[in-house]
Amino acid sequence: MSNRTAPPDKLRRDGTPVALRQVSLDGARLLLTPEEVAQVLAIGRSKVYDLLRSEEMSSVRIGGSRRIPVSALHEFVDRLCSVQSAQRQ
């Protein structure tokens, strides 16, 4: 897993860069942050929150944090593939 340095707009309050991690879906984790889901799907974080708000993708709350089960991510992608496949026929 490689680390990259964050762009200047992704700095901690003390000015140090936030390391951006490559996210792996190797089954080790059950829940992902919206930011990790955005990275995996190659979409923006705002779009992930739109999908959560519209209930196109399910999530859970832990305190004030929102987390997306890996299974929900797989279901979402499978549903997208099914819909697009049906539209082609």
Foldseek 3Di string as FASTA:
>chain_A
DDWDWDPQVQADPVRGTDIDDQDDPPVPDFKDALVNLCNVVVHDSVVSVVCPVVVLFDWDDDPNGIIGTPVSSVVSVVVVVVVVVVVVD
